[in-house]
Amino acid sequence: MRLPCTPIAFFLENTNTTITANTESMDDAEVKGSELSTLFASFNEEVPHMEQVEKMREEFFAAQSQGDQATMESIMADMETIIEEQQAYYRNFVKENSDNVVGAFLALNMAQSLEFEELEEITTNLEANLSTHPYVVQLKEMMEPIKAQKEAEAALNVGNEAPLFTLPNMEGSEVSLDDFKGKYVFVDFWAAWCRPCREENPILKRAYDRFGGENFEIVSVSLDQTAEAWQQAVAEDELNWTLLRDSAGTVAQTYGVQSIPNTWLLDKDGKIMQKQIRGEELITVLEDLLQ
């Protein structure tokens, strides 16, 4: 945890007002001219617990210099509560000042600590009043990749159609996920070097021996960089279902795969039924579906 100590200096554009504030001692900020500077001064003055924070900082560094871990941990625990109160104060201030540059500046500086939905609401309100202001433009630019990621994650919710893909199989022929419509499909992202993945393979073999065929298929998508490693693991584990390789990781990226094994159970229409289902749980689910 970092104690607050970062200086903030900024210029409120188009207001003829220069404001310099320091979060080490915001009460000492020099503010001159305009209603906006007065507003920012009031923001600084009303930040909760600022004097207490300064005292705690001194106590923390004193304890740190003495190697007093217990005192340091106690101070950090108290600081967590104060930070939560300060963040609530910042949020409320920004929401109440979404029609002016001070609110826009503070929103930009606290954006990383906000939930996406909260940041989106604040940005929408600011855009209605200050659509072309550089602070608002920066906020919108900051939100674009986050929004894209959120939309990608929402597309992978249970009940949605699984993204289609086409990849080469062991023989080099292209195979599409769409080829298996009409069957329950278990999509398994794995790799030869992934020990937990390899430990799952005997269970997948049991599942495929019992249920594979007309109504069920396993599509294992290897993330191995080389065909040799992939082929060797397939032979060692005696895998006999649909085996594809995503050496570039593009399909894994589409599915938001950040670790493996990563699994998806699809219904006969290609819609996502369950995610991250593994082990004996898969056998149980398949028994309910297919027996």
C-alpha atoms as a PDB file:
ATOM      1  CA  MET A   1       0.000   0.000   0.000  1.00  0.00           C
ATOM      2  CA  ARG A   2       1.320   3.485  -0.853  1.00  0.00           C
ATOM      3  CA  LEU A   3       0.645   6.399   1.452  1.00  0.00           C
ATOM      4  CA  PRO A   4      -0.648   9.441  -0.433  1.00  0.00           C
ATOM      5  CA  CYS A   5       2.270  11.698  -1.315  1.00  0.00           C
ATOM      6  CA  THR A   6       2.142  12.516  -5.010  1.00  0.00           C
ATOM      7  CA  PRO A   7       2.173  16.248  -5.871  1.00  0.00           C
ATOM      8  CA  ILE A   8      -0.485  17.424  -8.300  1.00  0.00           C
ATOM      9  CA  ALA A   9       0.039  20.467 -10.478  1.00  0.00           C
ATOM     10  CA  PHE A  10      -2.313  21.474 -13.221  1.00  0.00           C
ATOM     11  CA  PHE A  11      -3.640  24.329 -15.261  1.00  0.00           C
ATOM     12  CA  LEU A  12      -7.378  24.805 -15.660  1.00  0.00           C
ATOM     13  CA  GLU A  13      -7.551  25.654 -19.324  1.00  0.00           C
ATOM     14  CA  ASN A  14      -9.664  28.509 -20.619  1.00  0.00           C
ATOM     15  CA  THR A  15     -10.291  29.874 -17.111  1.00  0.00           C
ATOM     16  CA  ASN A  16      -7.257  32.182 -16.715  1.00  0.00           C
ATOM     17  CA  THR A  17      -6.642  30.308 -13.475  1.00  0.00           C
ATOM     18  CA  THR A  18      -3.549  28.434 -12.431  1.00  0.00           C
ATOM     19  CA  ILE A  19      -3.911  26.056  -9.488  1.00  0.00           C
ATOM     20  CA  THR A  20      -1.115  24.162  -7.802  1.00  0.00           C
ATOM     21  CA  ALA A  21      -2.058  21.578  -5.216  1.00  0.00           C
ATOM     22  CA  ASN A  22      -0.028  19.087  -3.245  1.00  0.00           C
ATOM     23  CA  THR A  23      -1.698  16.046  -1.729  1.00  0.00           C
ATOM     24  CA  GLU A  24       0.931  16.040   1.010  1.00  0.00           C
ATOM     25  CA  SER A  25      -0.652  19.209   2.339  1.00  0.00           C
ATOM     26  CA  MET A  26      -3.619  20.247   0.253  1.00  0.00           C
ATOM     27  CA  ASP A  27      -4.552  22.956   2.741  1.00  0.00           C
ATOM     28  CA  ASP A  28      -1.432  24.850   1.617  1.00  0.00           C
ATOM     29  CA  ALA A  29      -2.530  24.947  -2.039  1.00  0.00           C
ATOM     30  CA  GLU A  30      -2.293  28.411  -3.559  1.00  0.00           C
ATOM     31  CA  VAL A  31      -5.457  29.283  -5.440  1.00  0.00           C
ATOM     32  CA  LYS A  32      -6.179  32.629  -7.069  1.00  0.00           C
ATOM     33  CA  GLY A  33      -8.991  33.984  -9.198  1.00  0.00           C
ATOM     34  CA  SER A  34     -12.231  32.737 -10.766  1.00  0.00           C
ATOM     35  CA  GLU A  35     -15.162  30.789  -9.392  1.00  0.00           C
ATOM     36  CA  LEU A  36     -13.563  27.533 -10.498  1.00  0.00           C
ATOM     37  CA  SER A  37     -10.444  28.153  -8.442  1.00  0.00           C
ATOM     38  CA  THR A  38     -12.636  28.907  -5.432  1.00  0.00           C
ATOM     39  CA  LEU A  39     -14.464  25.645  -6.054  1.00  0.00           C
ATOM     40  CA  PHE A  40     -11.211  23.724  -6.188  1.00  0.00           C
ATOM     41  CA  ALA A  41     -10.020  25.429  -3.013  1.00  0.00           C
ATOM     42  CA  SER A  42     -13.173  24.265  -1.247  1.00  0.00           C
ATOM     43  CA  PHE A  43     -12.538  20.762  -2.520  1.00  0.00           C
ATOM     44  CA  ASN A  44      -9.038  20.824  -1.008  1.00  0.00           C
ATOM     45  CA  GLU A  45     -10.200  22.259   2.287  1.00  0.00           C
ATOM     46  CA  GLU A  46     -12.889  19.652   2.817  1.00  0.00           C
ATOM     47  CA  VAL A  47     -10.894  16.506   2.010  1.00  0.00           C
ATOM     48  CA  PRO A  48     -11.443  14.407   5.158  1.00  0.00           C
ATOM     49  CA  HIS A  49      -8.610  13.589   7.558  1.00  0.00           C
ATOM     50  CA  MET A  50      -5.838  15.479   5.760  1.00  0.00           C
ATOM     51  CA  GLU A  51      -4.124  16.623   8.975  1.00  0.00           C
ATOM     52  CA  GLN A  52      -4.445  13.126  10.387  1.00  0.00           C
ATOM     53  CA  VAL A  53      -2.953  11.652   7.215  1.00  0.00           C
ATOM     54  CA  GLU A  54       0.083  13.938   7.476  1.00  0.00           C
ATOM     55  CA  LYS A  55       0.659  12.863  11.072  1.00  0.00           C
ATOM     56  CA  MET A  56       0.225   9.209  10.154  1.00  0.00           C
ATOM     57  CA  ARG A  57       2.742   9.600   7.328  1.00  0.00           C
ATOM     58  CA  GLU A  58       5.327  10.912   9.770  1.00  0.00           C
ATOM     59  CA  GLU A  59       4.587   8.084  12.200  1.00  0.00           C
ATOM     60  CA  PHE A  60       4.775   5.518   9.412  1.00  0.00           C
ATOM     61  CA  PHE A  61       8.194   6.627   8.177  1.00  0.00           C
ATOM     62  CA  ALA A  62       9.471   6.841  11.740  1.00  0.00           C
ATOM     63  CA  ALA A  63       8.355   3.266  12.369  1.00  0.00           C
ATOM     64  CA  GLN A  64       9.848   2.220   9.028  1.00  0.00           C
ATOM     65  CA  SER A  65      13.227   3.689   9.935  1.00  0.00           C
ATOM     66  CA  GLN A  66      13.146   1.711  13.205  1.00  0.00           C
ATOM     67  CA  GLY A  67      12.005  -1.499  11.556  1.00  0.00           C
ATOM     68  CA  ASP A  68       8.806  -1.481  13.646  1.00  0.00           C
ATOM     69  CA  GLN A  69       6.660  -3.716  11.430  1.00  0.00           C
ATOM     70  CA  ALA A  70       3.755  -3.955  13.891  1.00  0.00           C
ATOM     71  CA  THR A  71       3.322  -0.180  14.039  1.00  0.00           C
ATOM     72  CA  MET A  72       3.640   0.093  10.259  1.00  0.00           C
ATOM     73  CA  GLU A  73       0.918  -2.495   9.742  1.00  0.00           C
ATOM     74  CA  SER A  74      -1.348  -0.780  12.284  1.00  0.00           C
ATOM     75  CA  ILE A  75      -0.930   2.570  10.531  1.00  0.00           C
ATOM     76  CA  MET A  76      -1.612   1.023   7.128  1.00  0.00           C
ATOM     77  CA  ALA A  77      -4.796  -0.600   8.443  1.00  0.00           C
ATOM     78  CA  ASP A  78      -6.020   2.769   9.742  1.00  0.00           C
ATOM     79  CA  MET A  79      -5.012   4.378   6.464  1.00  0.00           C
ATOM     80  CA  GLU A  80      -7.177   1.945   4.497  1.00  0.00           C
ATOM     81  CA  THR A  81     -10.270   3.255   6.271  1.00  0.00           C
ATOM     82  CA  ILE A  82      -9.267   6.871   5.678  1.00  0.00           C
ATOM     83  CA  ILE A  83      -8.559   6.240   1.997  1.00  0.00           C
ATOM     84  CA  GLU A  84     -12.012   4.716   1.577  1.00  0.00           C
ATOM     85  CA  GLU A  85     -13.581   7.834   3.096  1.00  0.00           C
ATOM     86  CA  GLN A  86     -11.464  10.123   0.928  1.00  0.00           C
ATOM     87  CA  GLN A  87     -12.351   8.185  -2.212  1.00  0.00           C
ATOM     88  CA  ALA A  88     -16.046   8.436  -1.360  1.00  0.00           C
ATOM     89  CA  TYR A  89     -15.582  12.185  -0.929  1.00  0.00           C
ATOM     90  CA  TYR A  90     -13.806  12.473  -4.310  1.00  0.00           C
ATOM     91  CA  ARG A  91     -16.539  10.464  -6.047  1.00  0.00           C
ATOM     92  CA  ASN A  92     -19.341  12.559  -4.611  1.00  0.00           C
ATOM     93  CA  PHE A  93     -17.551  15.793  -5.456  1.00  0.00           C
ATOM     94  CA  VAL A  94     -17.000  14.755  -9.062  1.00  0.00           C
ATOM     95  CA  LYS A  95     -20.604  13.621  -9.475  1.00  0.00           C
ATOM     96  CA  GLU A  96     -21.836  16.936  -8.092  1.00  0.00           C
ATOM     97  CA  ASN A  97     -19.508  18.907 -10.395  1.00  0.00           C
ATOM     98  CA  SER A  98     -19.948  17.154 -13.713  1.00  0.00           C
ATOM     99  CA  ASP A  99     -20.742  20.488 -15.363  1.00  0.00           C
ATOM    100  CA  ASN A 100     -17.371  22.174 -14.811  1.00  0.00           C
ATOM    101  CA  VAL A 101     -13.643  21.818 -15.451  1.00  0.00           C
ATOM    102  CA  VAL A 102     -12.746  21.087 -11.826  1.00  0.00           C
ATOM    103  CA  GLY A 103     -14.989  18.041 -11.872  1.00  0.00           C
ATOM    104  CA  ALA A 104     -13.497  16.963 -15.199  1.00  0.00           C
ATOM    105  CA  PHE A 105      -9.933  17.292 -13.944  1.00  0.00           C
ATOM    106  CA  LEU A 106     -10.626  15.343 -10.766  1.00  0.00           C
ATOM    107  CA  ALA A 107     -12.492  12.650 -12.718  1.00  0.00           C
ATOM    108  CA  LEU A 108      -9.478  12.243 -15.008  1.00  0.00           C
ATOM    109  CA  ASN A 109      -7.105  11.907 -12.065  1.00  0.00           C
ATOM    110  CA  MET A 110      -9.231   9.402 -10.160  1.00  0.00           C
ATOM    111  CA  ALA A 111     -10.360   7.407 -13.206  1.00  0.00           C
ATOM    112  CA  GLN A 112      -8.118   4.418 -12.448  1.00  0.00           C
ATOM    113  CA  SER A 113      -9.788   3.889  -9.072  1.00  0.00           C
ATOM    114  CA  LEU A 114     -13.358   3.889 -10.416  1.00  0.00           C
ATOM    115  CA  GLU A 115     -15.456   0.968 -11.569  1.00  0.00           C
ATOM    116  CA  PHE A 116     -16.154   1.128 -15.292  1.00  0.00           C
ATOM    117  CA  GLU A 117     -19.897   1.725 -14.906  1.00  0.00           C
ATOM    118  CA  GLU A 118     -19.257   4.585 -12.495  1.00  0.00           C
ATOM    119  CA  LEU A 119     -16.630   6.131 -14.767  1.00  0.00           C
ATOM    120  CA  GLU A 120     -18.946   5.763 -17.759  1.00  0.00           C
ATOM    121  CA  GLU A 121     -21.755   7.584 -15.957  1.00  0.00           C
ATOM    122  CA  ILE A 122     -19.447  10.414 -14.878  1.00  0.00           C
ATOM    123  CA  THR A 123     -17.973  10.754 -18.366  1.00  0.00           C
ATOM    124  CA  THR A 124     -21.423  10.847 -19.960  1.00  0.00           C
ATOM    125  CA  ASN A 125     -22.467  13.663 -17.622  1.00  0.00           C
ATOM    126  CA  LEU A 126     -19.268  15.590 -18.279  1.00  0.00           C
ATOM    127  CA  GLU A 127     -19.607  15.104 -22.026  1.00  0.00           C
ATOM    128  CA  ALA A 128     -23.050  16.688 -21.954  1.00  0.00           C
ATOM    129  CA  ASN A 129     -21.502  19.889 -20.612  1.00  0.00           C
ATOM    130  CA  LEU A 130     -17.864  19.836 -21.770  1.00  0.00           C
ATOM    131  CA  SER A 131     -17.772  17.532 -24.767  1.00  0.00           C
ATOM    132  CA  THR A 132     -14.711  19.133 -26.415  1.00  0.00           C
ATOM    133  CA  HIS A 133     -12.660  19.897 -23.328  1.00  0.00           C
ATOM    134  CA  PRO A 134      -9.272  18.105 -23.331  1.00  0.00           C
ATOM    135  CA  TYR A 135      -9.938  16.497 -19.941  1.00  0.00           C
ATOM    136  CA  VAL A 136     -13.181  14.974 -21.182  1.00  0.00           C
ATOM    137  CA  VAL A 137     -11.567  13.925 -24.457  1.00  0.00           C
ATOM    138  CA  GLN A 138      -8.829  12.160 -22.467  1.00  0.00           C
ATOM    139  CA  LEU A 139     -11.422  10.425 -20.326  1.00  0.00           C
ATOM    140  CA  LYS A 140     -13.213   9.136 -23.409  1.00  0.00           C
ATOM    141  CA  GLU A 141      -9.951   7.913 -24.934  1.00  0.00           C
ATOM    142  CA  MET A 142      -9.076   6.173 -21.677  1.00  0.00           C
ATOM    143  CA  MET A 143     -12.435   4.417 -21.634  1.00  0.00           C
ATOM    144  CA  GLU A 144     -12.334   3.067 -25.188  1.00  0.00           C
ATOM    145  CA  PRO A 145     -10.128  -0.001 -24.552  1.00  0.00           C
ATOM    146  CA  ILE A 146     -11.886  -0.692 -21.239  1.00  0.00           C
ATOM    147  CA  LYS A 147     -15.254  -0.529 -22.965  1.00  0.00           C
ATOM    148  CA  ALA A 148     -14.053  -2.840 -25.723  1.00  0.00           C
ATOM    149  CA  GLN A 149     -12.854  -5.344 -23.141  1.00  0.00           C
ATOM    150  CA  LYS A 150     -16.157  -5.162 -21.247  1.00  0.00           C
ATOM    151  CA  GLU A 151     -18.108  -5.740 -24.455  1.00  0.00           C
ATOM    152  CA  ALA A 152     -15.904  -8.725 -25.282  1.00  0.00           C
ATOM    153  CA  GLU A 153     -16.462 -10.178 -21.817  1.00  0.00           C
ATOM    154  CA  ALA A 154     -20.238  -9.616 -22.065  1.00  0.00           C
ATOM    155  CA  ALA A 155     -20.283 -11.462 -25.389  1.00  0.00           C
ATOM    156  CA  LEU A 156     -18.960 -14.514 -23.541  1.00  0.00           C
ATOM    157  CA  ASN A 157     -21.700 -14.630 -20.922  1.00  0.00           C
ATOM    158  CA  VAL A 158     -23.610 -17.856 -20.386  1.00  0.00           C
ATOM    159  CA  GLY A 159     -26.524 -17.993 -22.833  1.00  0.00           C
ATOM    160  CA  ASN A 160     -24.705 -16.184 -25.631  1.00  0.00           C
ATOM    161  CA  GLU A 161     -23.505 -17.880 -28.781  1.00  0.00           C
ATOM    162  CA  ALA A 162     -19.906 -19.017 -28.496  1.00  0.00           C
ATOM    163  CA  PRO A 163     -17.583 -17.230 -30.936  1.00  0.00           C
ATOM    164  CA  LEU A 164     -17.013 -19.343 -34.016  1.00  0.00           C
ATOM    165  CA  PHE A 165     -13.490 -20.238 -35.070  1.00  0.00           C
ATOM    166  CA  THR A 166     -11.650 -22.341 -37.618  1.00  0.00           C
ATOM    167  CA  LEU A 167      -8.308 -23.993 -36.851  1.00  0.00           C
ATOM    168  CA  PRO A 168      -6.095 -26.743 -38.318  1.00  0.00           C
ATOM    169  CA  ASN A 169      -6.335 -30.288 -36.980  1.00  0.00           C
ATOM    170  CA  MET A 170      -3.581 -32.885 -36.674  1.00  0.00           C
ATOM    171  CA  GLU A 171      -3.666 -33.556 -40.412  1.00  0.00           C
ATOM    172  CA  GLY A 172      -3.552 -29.870 -41.321  1.00  0.00           C
ATOM    173  CA  SER A 173      -7.206 -29.706 -42.408  1.00  0.00           C
ATOM    174  CA  GLU A 174      -9.276 -26.697 -41.348  1.00  0.00           C
ATOM    175  CA  VAL A 175     -12.030 -27.511 -38.835  1.00  0.00           C
ATOM    176  CA  SER A 176     -14.758 -25.088 -37.767  1.00  0.00           C
ATOM    177  CA  LEU A 177     -16.573 -25.025 -34.454  1.00  0.00           C
ATOM    178  CA  ASP A 178     -19.720 -24.578 -36.517  1.00  0.00           C
ATOM    179  CA  ASP A 179     -19.240 -28.144 -37.822  1.00  0.00           C
ATOM    180  CA  PHE A 180     -20.491 -29.475 -34.495  1.00  0.00           C
ATOM    181  CA  LYS A 181     -23.865 -27.721 -34.321  1.00  0.00           C
ATOM    182  CA  GLY A 182     -26.438 -30.245 -33.130  1.00  0.00           C
ATOM    183  CA  LYS A 183     -24.070 -31.677 -30.500  1.00  0.00           C
ATOM    184  CA  TYR A 184     -23.084 -30.672 -27.022  1.00  0.00           C
ATOM    185  CA  VAL A 185     -19.489 -29.469 -27.360  1.00  0.00           C
ATOM    186  CA  PHE A 186     -16.811 -29.232 -24.714  1.00  0.00           C
ATOM    187  CA  VAL A 187     -14.153 -26.695 -25.788  1.00  0.00           C
ATOM    188  CA  ASP A 188     -10.889 -27.169 -23.908  1.00  0.00           C
ATOM    189  CA  PHE A 189      -7.947 -24.743 -24.196  1.00  0.00           C
ATOM    190  CA  TRP A 190      -4.765 -26.528 -23.132  1.00  0.00           C
ATOM    191  CA  ALA A 191      -1.071 -27.073 -23.926  1.00  0.00           C
ATOM    192  CA  ALA A 192       1.484 -29.842 -23.705  1.00  0.00           C
ATOM    193  CA  TRP A 193       3.497 -27.928 -21.098  1.00  0.00           C
ATOM    194  CA  CYS A 194       0.472 -27.325 -18.841  1.00  0.00           C
ATOM    195  CA  ARG A 195       0.555 -29.925 -16.081  1.00  0.00           C
ATOM    196  CA  PRO A 196      -3.022 -29.295 -14.811  1.00  0.00           C
ATOM    197  CA  CYS A 197      -4.226 -29.652 -18.394  1.00  0.00           C
ATOM    198  CA  ARG A 198      -2.483 -32.978 -18.810  1.00  0.00           C
ATOM    199  CA  GLU A 199      -3.940 -34.162 -15.508  1.00  0.00           C
ATOM    200  CA  GLU A 200      -7.430 -33.399 -16.848  1.00  0.00           C
ATOM    201  CA  ASN A 201      -6.950 -35.492 -19.992  1.00  0.00           C
ATOM    202  CA  PRO A 202      -7.700 -38.890 -18.379  1.00  0.00           C
ATOM    203  CA  ILE A 203     -11.033 -37.488 -17.190  1.00  0.00           C
ATOM    204  CA  LEU A 204     -11.777 -36.175 -20.657  1.00  0.00           C
ATOM    205  CA  LYS A 205     -10.976 -39.615 -22.044  1.00  0.00           C
ATOM    206  CA  ARG A 206     -13.521 -41.156 -19.685  1.00  0.00           C
ATOM    207  CA  ALA A 207     -16.099 -38.560 -20.704  1.00  0.00           C
ATOM    208  CA  TYR A 208     -15.470 -39.131 -24.401  1.00  0.00           C
ATOM    209  CA  ASP A 209     -15.518 -42.908 -24.089  1.00  0.00           C
ATOM    210  CA  ARG A 210     -18.937 -42.707 -22.437  1.00  0.00           C
ATOM    211  CA  PHE A 211     -20.623 -39.861 -24.266  1.00  0.00           C
ATOM    212  CA  GLY A 212     -18.665 -39.076 -27.439  1.00  0.00           C
ATOM    213  CA  GLY A 213     -20.382 -39.553 -30.749  1.00  0.00           C
ATOM    214  CA  GLU A 214     -23.709 -38.400 -32.109  1.00  0.00           C
ATOM    215  CA  ASN A 215     -24.604 -36.018 -29.265  1.00  0.00           C
ATOM    216  CA  PHE A 216     -21.283 -34.947 -27.762  1.00  0.00           C
ATOM    217  CA  GLU A 217     -17.883 -33.832 -28.977  1.00  0.00           C
ATOM    218  CA  ILE A 218     -14.722 -32.560 -27.314  1.00  0.00           C
ATOM    219  CA  VAL A 219     -12.773 -29.872 -29.164  1.00  0.00           C
ATOM    220  CA  SER A 220      -9.349 -29.475 -27.606  1.00  0.00           C
ATOM    221  CA  VAL A 221      -7.554 -26.297 -28.681  1.00  0.00           C
ATOM    222  CA  SER A 222      -3.814 -26.487 -28.091  1.00  0.00           C
ATOM    223  CA  LEU A 223      -1.841 -23.303 -27.461  1.00  0.00           C
ATOM    224  CA  ASP A 224       1.493 -24.995 -28.139  1.00  0.00           C
ATOM    225  CA  GLN A 225       3.901 -22.993 -30.261  1.00  0.00           C
ATOM    226  CA  THR A 226       5.268 -26.052 -32.025  1.00  0.00           C
ATOM    227  CA  ALA A 227       3.410 -28.886 -33.692  1.00  0.00           C
ATOM    228  CA  GLU A 228       5.959 -31.360 -32.348  1.00  0.00           C
ATOM    229  CA  ALA A 229       5.204 -30.660 -28.674  1.00  0.00           C
ATOM    230  CA  TRP A 230       1.478 -30.809 -29.374  1.00  0.00           C
ATOM    231  CA  GLN A 231       1.660 -34.063 -31.327  1.00  0.00           C
ATOM    232  CA  GLN A 232       3.843 -35.712 -28.712  1.00  0.00           C
ATOM    233  CA  ALA A 233       1.418 -34.809 -25.886  1.00  0.00           C
ATOM    234  CA  VAL A 234      -1.542 -36.061 -27.923  1.00  0.00           C
ATOM    235  CA  ALA A 235       0.214 -39.382 -28.479  1.00  0.00           C
ATOM    236  CA  GLU A 236       1.312 -39.739 -24.856  1.00  0.00           C
ATOM    237  CA  ASP A 237      -2.168 -38.981 -23.496  1.00  0.00           C
ATOM    238  CA  GLU A 238      -3.882 -41.035 -26.229  1.00  0.00           C
ATOM    239  CA  LEU A 239      -6.355 -38.302 -27.146  1.00  0.00           C
ATOM    240  CA  ASN A 240      -8.851 -39.354 -29.798  1.00  0.00           C
ATOM    241  CA  TRP A 241     -11.321 -36.504 -30.239  1.00  0.00           C
ATOM    242  CA  THR A 242     -11.202 -33.279 -32.256  1.00  0.00           C
ATOM    243  CA  LEU A 243      -7.730 -31.813 -31.778  1.00  0.00           C
ATOM    244  CA  LEU A 244      -6.911 -28.332 -33.065  1.00  0.00           C
ATOM    245  CA  ARG A 245      -4.009 -25.924 -32.570  1.00  0.00           C
ATOM    246  CA  ASP A 246      -4.165 -22.178 -32.012  1.00  0.00           C
ATOM    247  CA  SER A 247      -0.450 -21.423 -32.265  1.00  0.00           C
ATOM    248  CA  ALA A 248      -1.000 -17.659 -32.685  1.00  0.00           C
ATOM    249  CA  GLY A 249      -3.385 -17.512 -29.718  1.00  0.00           C
ATOM    250  CA  THR A 250      -6.010 -15.536 -31.637  1.00  0.00           C
ATOM    251  CA  VAL A 251      -8.894 -17.830 -30.711  1.00  0.00           C
ATOM    252  CA  ALA A 252      -7.755 -17.921 -27.095  1.00  0.00           C
ATOM    253  CA  GLN A 253      -7.740 -14.124 -27.103  1.00  0.00           C
ATOM    254  CA  THR A 254     -11.281 -14.068 -28.486  1.00  0.00           C
ATOM    255  CA  TYR A 255     -12.357 -16.299 -25.620  1.00  0.00           C
ATOM    256  CA  GLY A 256     -10.552 -14.167 -23.061  1.00  0.00           C
ATOM    257  CA  VAL A 257      -8.248 -17.021 -22.061  1.00  0.00           C
ATOM    258  CA  GLN A 258      -5.713 -15.822 -19.500  1.00  0.00           C
ATOM    259  CA  SER A 259      -4.808 -19.187 -17.967  1.00  0.00           C
ATOM    260  CA  ILE A 260      -5.223 -22.850 -18.844  1.00  0.00           C
ATOM    261  CA  PRO A 261      -6.961 -25.209 -18.634  1.00  0.00           C
ATOM    262  CA  ASN A 262      -9.828 -23.034 -19.769  1.00  0.00           C
ATOM    263  CA  THR A 263     -13.067 -24.803 -20.627  1.00  0.00           C
ATOM    264  CA  TRP A 264     -16.476 -24.086 -22.150  1.00  0.00           C
ATOM    265  CA  LEU A 265     -19.535 -26.328 -22.462  1.00  0.00           C
ATOM    266  CA  LEU A 266     -21.788 -25.414 -25.393  1.00  0.00           C
ATOM    267  CA  ASP A 267     -25.332 -26.575 -26.072  1.00  0.00           C
ATOM    268  CA  LYS A 268     -26.547 -28.042 -29.354  1.00  0.00           C
ATOM    269  CA  ASP A 269     -27.194 -24.559 -30.741  1.00  0.00           C
ATOM    270  CA  GLY A 270     -23.649 -23.436 -30.023  1.00  0.00           C
ATOM    271  CA  LYS A 271     -24.608 -21.329 -27.009  1.00  0.00           C
ATOM    272  CA  ILE A 272     -22.504 -21.172 -23.862  1.00  0.00           C
ATOM    273  CA  MET A 273     -23.960 -23.361 -21.119  1.00  0.00           C
ATOM    274  CA  GLN A 274     -21.140 -23.377 -18.569  1.00  0.00           C
ATOM    275  CA  LYS A 275     -17.619 -22.036 -18.207  1.00  0.00           C
ATOM    276  CA  GLN A 276     -14.575 -23.402 -16.397  1.00  0.00           C
ATOM    277  CA  ILE A 277     -16.154 -26.774 -15.739  1.00  0.00           C
ATOM    278  CA  ARG A 278     -13.564 -29.444 -14.929  1.00  0.00           C
ATOM    279  CA  GLY A 279     -12.965 -32.864 -13.438  1.00  0.00           C
ATOM    280  CA  GLU A 280     -15.768 -35.026 -12.132  1.00  0.00           C
ATOM    281  CA  GLU A 281     -18.178 -32.119 -12.418  1.00  0.00           C
ATOM    282  CA  LEU A 282     -18.065 -32.499 -16.188  1.00  0.00           C
ATOM    283  CA  ILE A 283     -18.974 -36.176 -15.938  1.00  0.00           C
ATOM    284  CA  THR A 284     -21.916 -35.342 -13.668  1.00  0.00           C
ATOM    285  CA  VAL A 285     -23.213 -32.622 -16.007  1.00  0.00           C
ATOM    286  CA  LEU A 286     -22.927 -34.895 -19.041  1.00  0.00           C
ATOM    287  CA  GLU A 287     -24.781 -37.670 -17.225  1.00  0.00           C
ATOM    288  CA  ASP A 288     -27.664 -35.266 -16.614  1.00  0.00           C
ATOM    289  CA  LEU A 289     -27.647 -34.101 -20.244  1.00  0.00           C
ATOM    290  CA  LEU A 290     -27.118 -37.366 -22.097  1.00  0.00           C
ATOM    291  CA  GLN A 291     -28.525 -40.186 -19.973  1.00  0.00           C
END
